[in-house]
Amino acid sequence: MPGNATFRYVDTAILAVAVADAPIVVTSEEIDAQLLDTYARLGLRPGMLELLAGISERRWWPEDVTFADAAAMAGAKALADAGVDPTQVGLLIDTSVCRDALEPSAAVDVHAQLGLSSACLNFDLSNACLGFINGMQLAAMFIDSGQIDYALIVDGEGCRRPQESTITRLREPGTTKEDLLANFATLTLGSGGAAMVLGRASEHPEGHRFVGGVSRAATEHNKLCVGDINGMNTDARGLLEAGVALASEAWAEATEVFDWKDLDCYIIHQVSQVHTASIVEALGIDKTKVPVTFPTRGNVGPASVPFTLAHFAADLVAGQRIACMGIGSGLNAAVIEITW
């Protein structure tokens, strides 16, 4: 069908996936406490973040830790776990949504921190919460084509600045119920870093094969979630409905191409308990096979899929088939398969 793209890889494997956990825990109760006057004036009760979104806490970075620092910390751990020397990396892609400047790229900061070779191609790839999976796709094409031996995909996100700015705005006397609902998604965000090392499957039998996947776009919905470093304005209901519809369309065709009727684990982009339940129901998958990190980490943007994969990797068994699904504002969606 037009608008749908399936892809397969023949010699790419995941050698390591790692995380960098932000150290400062910020509970939803703490955020509610700062908004009590606003809730009371608008006739609302505190607790929506935990009761509706299912998010009890999220993490913040200390103020002196940059987004590139978070990405680099995760990258260093992934390289160490993979046993790959930094000088062997031929491609570095930073897929972070959060960035401190328009230029230079965040990738050059990570490249310098990790001591990668001057021959290592490095750049940023931005596609909202789908960026990391897109980075994996591009890296696999470089590896399959023989251009590089190893690729490093990194991501560093931080929700402290947008949440502090949003809380300040929502405490203003003129805040309406509509303002609160439009900014609700900002308060569900989380901080963290994630990284993945990919290499040749033929040279790394211990690796996890990157089989392929499917992608689909529905860019008519590009105004449903618009954000910057100070917050996001989101049509939560519209985004949920359009995102589930897009994911369902992609899944329906891909299931036939890849035989995804009964996989062993499903790593879904971590947004909230409502989004997770809706995806599980729409795709008809077993919810017991869907691990979650959003209750204690929130929505860590494009880092959320590798972040969740890394947290539950110890529970996976060689030979299991894993589906990873990302949905990014815009809208874009992709599902990939990994054979563990």
Protein backbone atom coordinates (compact mmCIF):
# COMPACT_ATOMS: atom_id res chain seq x y z
CA MET A 1 0.00 0.00 0.00
CA PRO A 2 1.29 3.53 -0.74
CA GLY A 3 2.74 5.11 2.38
CA ASN A 4 3.90 1.80 3.81
CA ALA A 5 7.50 0.60 3.67
CA THR A 6 8.93 -2.73 4.79
CA PHE A 7 12.64 -3.34 5.08
CA ARG A 8 14.96 -6.27 5.85
CA TYR A 9 18.61 -6.51 6.85
CA VAL A 10 20.95 -9.41 6.18
CA ASP A 11 24.07 -8.86 8.28
CA THR A 12 23.34 -6.48 11.16
CA ALA A 13 23.27 -7.40 14.83
CA ILE A 14 22.80 -5.50 18.08
CA LEU A 15 25.87 -6.04 20.21
CA ALA A 16 24.87 -4.00 23.25
CA VAL A 17 22.13 -1.67 24.51
CA ALA A 18 22.74 0.46 27.59
CA VAL A 19 21.18 3.27 29.63
CA ALA A 20 22.24 6.25 31.67
CA ASP A 21 19.73 6.81 34.48
CA ALA A 22 19.22 10.37 35.70
CA PRO A 23 19.79 10.49 39.48
CA ILE A 24 17.16 12.95 40.77
CA VAL A 25 13.75 11.37 41.45
CA VAL A 26 10.78 13.74 41.08
CA THR A 27 7.46 12.25 42.13
CA SER A 28 4.09 13.11 40.68
CA GLU A 29 3.00 14.04 44.19
CA GLU A 30 5.73 16.69 44.27
CA ILE A 31 4.50 18.17 40.99
CA ASP A 32 0.89 18.08 42.21
CA ALA A 33 1.92 19.92 45.36
CA GLN A 34 3.21 22.82 43.27
CA LEU A 35 -0.07 23.00 41.35
CA LEU A 36 -2.53 22.69 44.25
CA ASP A 37 -3.73 26.30 43.99
CA THR A 38 -4.30 25.93 40.25
CA TYR A 39 -6.18 22.66 40.73
CA ALA A 40 -8.38 24.20 43.43
CA ARG A 41 -9.20 27.28 41.33
CA LEU A 42 -10.12 25.10 38.32
CA GLY A 43 -12.13 22.58 40.36
CA LEU A 44 -9.71 19.74 39.65
CA ARG A 45 -8.25 17.13 41.96
CA PRO A 46 -4.55 16.33 42.13
CA GLY A 47 -3.43 12.85 41.16
CA MET A 48 -4.08 12.81 37.41
CA LEU A 49 -0.45 12.07 36.58
CA GLU A 50 -0.53 8.87 38.59
CA LEU A 51 -4.18 7.85 38.26
CA LEU A 52 -4.62 8.55 34.53
CA ALA A 53 -1.11 8.37 33.10
CA GLY A 54 0.15 5.75 35.56
CA ILE A 55 3.32 7.75 36.19
CA SER A 56 4.34 7.92 39.83
CA GLU A 57 7.76 9.49 39.25
CA ARG A 58 10.28 10.58 36.67
CA ARG A 59 13.97 11.55 36.80
CA TRP A 60 15.85 14.83 36.38
CA TRP A 61 19.50 15.45 35.61
CA PRO A 62 21.56 17.80 37.78
CA GLU A 63 21.72 21.26 36.21
CA ASP A 64 25.36 20.80 35.16
CA VAL A 65 24.64 17.65 33.08
CA THR A 66 23.91 18.41 29.43
CA PHE A 67 21.85 16.34 27.02
CA ALA A 68 25.04 15.42 25.17
CA ASP A 69 26.59 14.35 28.50
CA ALA A 70 23.68 11.96 29.04
CA ALA A 71 24.04 10.55 25.53
CA ALA A 72 27.80 10.15 25.96
CA MET A 73 27.44 8.37 29.31
CA ALA A 74 25.09 5.83 27.74
CA GLY A 75 27.35 5.52 24.71
CA ALA A 76 30.44 4.80 26.79
CA LYS A 77 28.61 2.05 28.65
CA ALA A 78 27.28 0.47 25.46
CA LEU A 79 30.75 0.41 23.90
CA ALA A 80 32.21 -1.18 27.04
CA ASP A 81 29.42 -3.78 27.17
CA ALA A 82 29.96 -4.62 23.50
CA GLY A 83 33.73 -4.82 23.88
CA VAL A 84 34.16 -2.42 20.97
CA ASP A 85 37.01 0.08 21.03
CA PRO A 86 35.79 3.65 20.35
CA THR A 87 38.26 3.94 17.46
CA GLN A 88 36.45 1.10 15.65
CA VAL A 89 33.15 2.99 15.39
CA GLY A 90 32.48 4.14 11.84
CA LEU A 91 29.16 5.91 12.43
CA LEU A 92 27.74 7.89 15.36
CA ILE A 93 24.13 9.10 15.29
CA ASP A 94 22.68 11.26 18.07
CA THR A 95 18.88 10.98 17.95
CA SER A 96 18.05 13.25 20.88
CA VAL A 97 15.03 15.54 20.77
CA CYS A 98 16.52 17.75 23.51
CA ARG A 99 19.42 19.97 22.50
CA ASP A 100 21.16 22.99 23.95
CA ALA A 101 21.93 24.76 20.67
CA LEU A 102 20.92 24.77 17.03
CA GLU A 103 24.53 24.25 16.02
CA PRO A 104 26.90 22.56 16.12
CA SER A 105 25.30 19.12 16.19
CA ALA A 106 25.04 17.33 19.51
CA ALA A 107 26.85 14.44 17.85
CA VAL A 108 30.13 16.35 17.71
CA ASP A 109 30.03 16.81 21.50
CA VAL A 110 29.39 13.09 22.03
CA HIS A 111 32.06 12.22 19.45
CA ALA A 112 34.63 14.29 21.32
CA GLN A 113 33.65 12.97 24.76
CA LEU A 114 33.97 9.34 23.62
CA GLY A 115 37.23 9.84 21.75
CA LEU A 116 35.89 8.45 18.48
CA SER A 117 38.07 8.38 15.37
CA SER A 118 38.29 11.35 13.01
CA ALA A 119 37.14 8.89 10.32
CA CYS A 120 33.87 8.28 12.19
CA LEU A 121 30.93 9.87 10.38
CA ASN A 122 28.78 11.68 12.96
CA PHE A 123 25.57 13.67 12.82
CA ASP A 124 22.19 14.26 14.47
CA LEU A 125 18.98 12.59 13.35
CA SER A 126 15.76 14.16 14.59
CA ASN A 127 12.31 12.63 14.23
CA ALA A 128 10.58 13.21 17.57
CA CYS A 129 10.15 9.98 19.57
CA LEU A 130 10.90 7.80 16.54
CA GLY A 131 14.45 9.08 16.12
CA PHE A 132 16.31 6.20 17.78
CA ILE A 133 14.60 3.52 15.69
CA ASN A 134 15.30 5.58 12.55
CA GLY A 135 18.93 5.76 13.64
CA MET A 136 19.02 1.97 13.89
CA GLN A 137 17.55 1.68 10.39
CA LEU A 138 20.18 3.97 8.91
CA ALA A 139 23.02 2.29 10.78
CA ALA A 140 21.91 -1.13 9.52
CA MET A 141 22.03 0.12 5.94
CA PHE A 142 25.61 1.33 6.46
CA ILE A 143 26.61 -2.03 7.96
CA ASP A 144 24.81 -4.18 5.39
CA SER A 145 26.37 -2.18 2.55
CA GLY A 146 29.86 -2.81 3.93
CA GLN A 147 30.68 0.86 4.54
CA ILE A 148 31.32 0.46 8.29
CA ASP A 149 32.00 -2.27 10.84
CA TYR A 150 30.34 -0.69 13.89
CA ALA A 151 27.72 1.97 14.54
CA LEU A 152 26.82 3.72 17.77
CA ILE A 153 23.34 5.22 18.24
CA VAL A 154 22.92 7.51 21.26
CA ASP A 155 20.17 9.58 22.83
CA GLY A 156 20.12 11.95 25.80
CA GLU A 157 16.89 13.51 27.03
CA GLY A 158 16.09 15.82 29.94
CA CYS A 159 12.68 16.96 31.17
CA ARG A 160 13.79 19.30 33.95
CA ARG A 161 13.74 22.55 31.98
CA PRO A 162 10.41 22.01 30.17
CA GLN A 163 8.73 20.82 33.36
CA GLU A 164 10.00 23.69 35.48
CA SER A 165 8.87 26.18 32.83
CA THR A 166 5.49 24.49 32.45
CA ILE A 167 4.84 24.37 36.20
CA THR A 168 5.67 28.09 36.45
CA ARG A 169 3.20 28.92 33.65
CA LEU A 170 0.45 26.72 35.08
CA ARG A 171 0.72 28.45 38.46
CA GLU A 172 -0.18 31.81 36.91
CA PRO A 173 -3.63 33.21 37.89
CA GLY A 174 -4.91 33.23 34.30
CA THR A 175 -4.34 29.52 33.68
CA THR A 176 -7.44 27.78 32.31
CA LYS A 177 -8.49 24.14 32.37
CA GLU A 178 -7.69 24.02 28.65
CA ASP A 179 -4.16 25.28 29.37
CA LEU A 180 -3.66 22.57 31.97
CA LEU A 181 -4.85 19.80 29.67
CA ALA A 182 -2.77 21.06 26.73
CA ASN A 183 0.37 21.02 28.91
CA PHE A 184 -0.40 17.76 30.74
CA ALA A 185 1.82 15.67 28.44
CA THR A 186 4.85 17.80 29.34
CA LEU A 187 4.51 16.67 32.95
CA THR A 188 4.66 13.00 31.88
CA LEU A 189 8.13 13.34 30.38
CA GLY A 190 11.24 11.78 31.88
CA SER A 191 15.02 12.12 31.67
CA GLY A 192 17.58 9.52 30.67
CA GLY A 193 20.13 8.37 28.17
CA ALA A 194 20.26 5.30 25.94
CA ALA A 195 22.74 3.89 23.47
CA MET A 196 23.16 0.91 21.18
CA VAL A 197 26.12 -0.63 19.39
CA LEU A 198 25.46 -2.44 16.11
CA GLY A 199 27.89 -4.54 14.11
CA ARG A 200 28.12 -7.33 11.55
CA ALA A 201 26.09 -10.40 12.48
CA SER A 202 28.48 -12.59 10.49
CA GLU A 203 31.36 -11.52 12.74
CA HIS A 204 29.37 -11.52 15.99
CA PRO A 205 27.33 -14.72 16.43
CA GLU A 206 26.69 -13.63 20.02
CA GLY A 207 24.81 -10.57 18.73
CA HIS A 208 21.07 -10.12 18.36
CA ARG A 209 19.94 -10.05 14.72
CA PHE A 210 18.23 -6.90 13.46
CA VAL A 211 15.74 -8.57 11.12
CA GLY A 212 13.87 -5.62 9.64
CA GLY A 213 10.57 -3.88 10.05
CA VAL A 214 7.92 -1.54 8.72
CA SER A 215 7.34 2.21 8.77
CA ARG A 216 4.37 4.41 8.04
CA ALA A 217 3.60 8.14 8.05
CA ALA A 218 0.46 10.16 8.75
CA THR A 219 1.82 13.69 8.51
CA GLU A 220 -1.63 15.27 8.29
CA HIS A 221 -1.44 15.10 12.09
CA ASN A 222 1.66 17.28 12.37
CA LYS A 223 0.03 19.87 14.67
CA LEU A 224 -1.24 17.50 17.39
CA CYS A 225 1.92 17.82 19.49
CA VAL A 226 4.26 20.78 19.10
CA GLY A 227 7.06 21.35 21.59
CA ASP A 228 10.33 23.06 22.38
CA ILE A 229 12.69 23.13 25.32
CA ASN A 230 10.15 25.08 27.39
CA GLY A 231 7.26 22.64 27.01
CA MET A 232 4.77 20.96 24.71
CA ASN A 233 1.28 21.86 23.58
CA THR A 234 -0.55 18.59 22.98
CA ASP A 235 -3.98 17.45 21.86
CA ALA A 236 -3.73 14.32 24.01
CA ARG A 237 -6.94 12.66 22.81
CA GLY A 238 -6.29 13.43 19.15
CA LEU A 239 -2.70 12.22 19.42
CA LEU A 240 -3.78 8.98 21.09
CA GLU A 241 -6.44 8.20 18.50
CA ALA A 242 -4.29 9.08 15.48
CA GLY A 243 -1.25 7.27 16.88
CA VAL A 244 -3.15 4.05 17.57
CA ALA A 245 -4.73 4.16 14.12
CA LEU A 246 -1.34 4.64 12.46
CA ALA A 247 0.28 1.86 14.48
CA SER A 248 -2.60 -0.48 13.68
CA GLU A 249 -2.31 0.16 9.93
CA ALA A 250 1.41 -0.52 9.91
CA TRP A 251 1.05 -3.60 12.10
CA ALA A 252 -1.69 -5.14 9.97
CA GLU A 253 0.46 -5.27 6.85
CA ALA A 254 3.72 -6.07 8.62
CA THR A 255 2.18 -9.02 10.44
CA GLU A 256 1.67 -10.71 7.08
CA VAL A 257 5.15 -9.87 5.77
CA PHE A 258 7.04 -10.79 8.93
CA ASP A 259 4.68 -13.32 10.57
CA TRP A 260 4.31 -11.30 13.77
CA LYS A 261 1.22 -13.10 15.04
CA ASP A 262 2.83 -14.41 18.23
CA LEU A 263 6.13 -12.82 19.22
CA ASP A 264 7.88 -13.29 22.55
CA CYS A 265 8.12 -9.66 23.70
CA TYR A 266 6.79 -6.28 22.61
CA ILE A 267 8.74 -3.13 23.51
CA ILE A 268 6.31 -0.25 23.00
CA HIS A 269 7.17 3.45 23.15
CA GLN A 270 6.59 4.44 26.77
CA VAL A 271 3.96 7.19 27.05
CA SER A 272 1.38 6.24 29.68
CA GLN A 273 -0.84 3.41 30.86
CA VAL A 274 -3.67 4.70 28.63
CA HIS A 275 -1.51 4.64 25.51
CA THR A 276 -0.06 1.22 26.35
CA ALA A 277 -3.48 -0.31 27.00
CA SER A 278 -4.84 1.18 23.77
CA ILE A 279 -1.97 -0.20 21.66
CA VAL A 280 -2.24 -3.62 23.30
CA GLU A 281 -5.96 -3.77 22.58
CA ALA A 282 -5.70 -2.42 19.03
CA LEU A 283 -2.96 -4.85 18.01
CA GLY A 284 -4.41 -7.81 19.88
CA ILE A 285 -1.16 -8.63 21.67
CA ASP A 286 -0.59 -10.28 25.04
CA LYS A 287 -0.17 -7.55 27.68
CA THR A 288 1.94 -9.89 29.82
CA LYS A 289 4.58 -9.70 27.07
CA VAL A 290 4.74 -5.89 27.20
CA PRO A 291 7.30 -4.63 29.74
CA VAL A 292 6.93 -1.03 30.92
CA THR A 293 9.23 1.61 32.38
CA PHE A 294 6.94 4.66 32.24
CA PRO A 295 5.59 4.28 35.84
CA THR A 296 8.97 5.25 37.33
CA ARG A 297 10.74 6.90 34.37
CA GLY A 298 7.99 8.67 32.43
CA ASN A 299 8.17 9.21 28.69
CA VAL A 300 11.89 9.48 27.85
CA GLY A 301 11.19 10.36 24.22
CA PRO A 302 13.17 8.46 21.57
CA ALA A 303 15.29 6.91 24.34
CA SER A 304 12.27 5.08 25.75
CA VAL A 305 12.36 2.02 23.44
CA PRO A 306 16.09 1.23 23.89
CA PHE A 307 15.80 2.27 27.55
CA THR A 308 13.05 -0.30 28.14
CA LEU A 309 14.83 -2.94 26.05
CA ALA A 310 17.99 -2.50 28.13
CA HIS A 311 16.12 -2.67 31.44
CA PHE A 312 14.50 -5.99 30.54
CA ALA A 313 17.29 -7.52 28.44
CA ALA A 314 18.30 -9.85 31.27
CA ASP A 315 14.87 -11.51 31.04
CA LEU A 316 15.22 -12.28 27.32
CA VAL A 317 16.36 -15.65 26.01
CA ALA A 318 18.43 -16.38 22.92
CA GLY A 319 16.22 -17.03 19.91
CA GLN A 320 13.24 -15.03 21.15
CA ARG A 321 11.60 -12.67 18.68
CA ILE A 322 11.23 -9.10 19.91
CA ALA A 323 9.14 -6.32 18.37
CA CYS A 324 10.05 -2.71 19.14
CA MET A 325 7.50 -0.04 18.26
CA GLY A 326 8.03 3.70 18.11
CA ILE A 327 5.55 6.48 17.37
CA GLY A 328 6.74 10.04 16.90
CA SER A 329 4.85 13.32 16.80
CA GLY A 330 4.20 14.30 13.26
CA LEU A 331 3.00 11.46 12.97
CA ASN A 332 5.47 8.73 12.07
CA ALA A 333 5.52 5.13 13.27
CA ALA A 334 7.84 2.16 12.89
CA VAL A 335 7.99 -1.39 14.18
CA ILE A 336 11.19 -3.42 14.02
CA GLU A 337 11.99 -7.04 14.79
CA ILE A 338 15.03 -8.27 16.69
CA THR A 339 15.93 -11.94 17.13
CA TRP A 340 17.55 -12.13 20.54
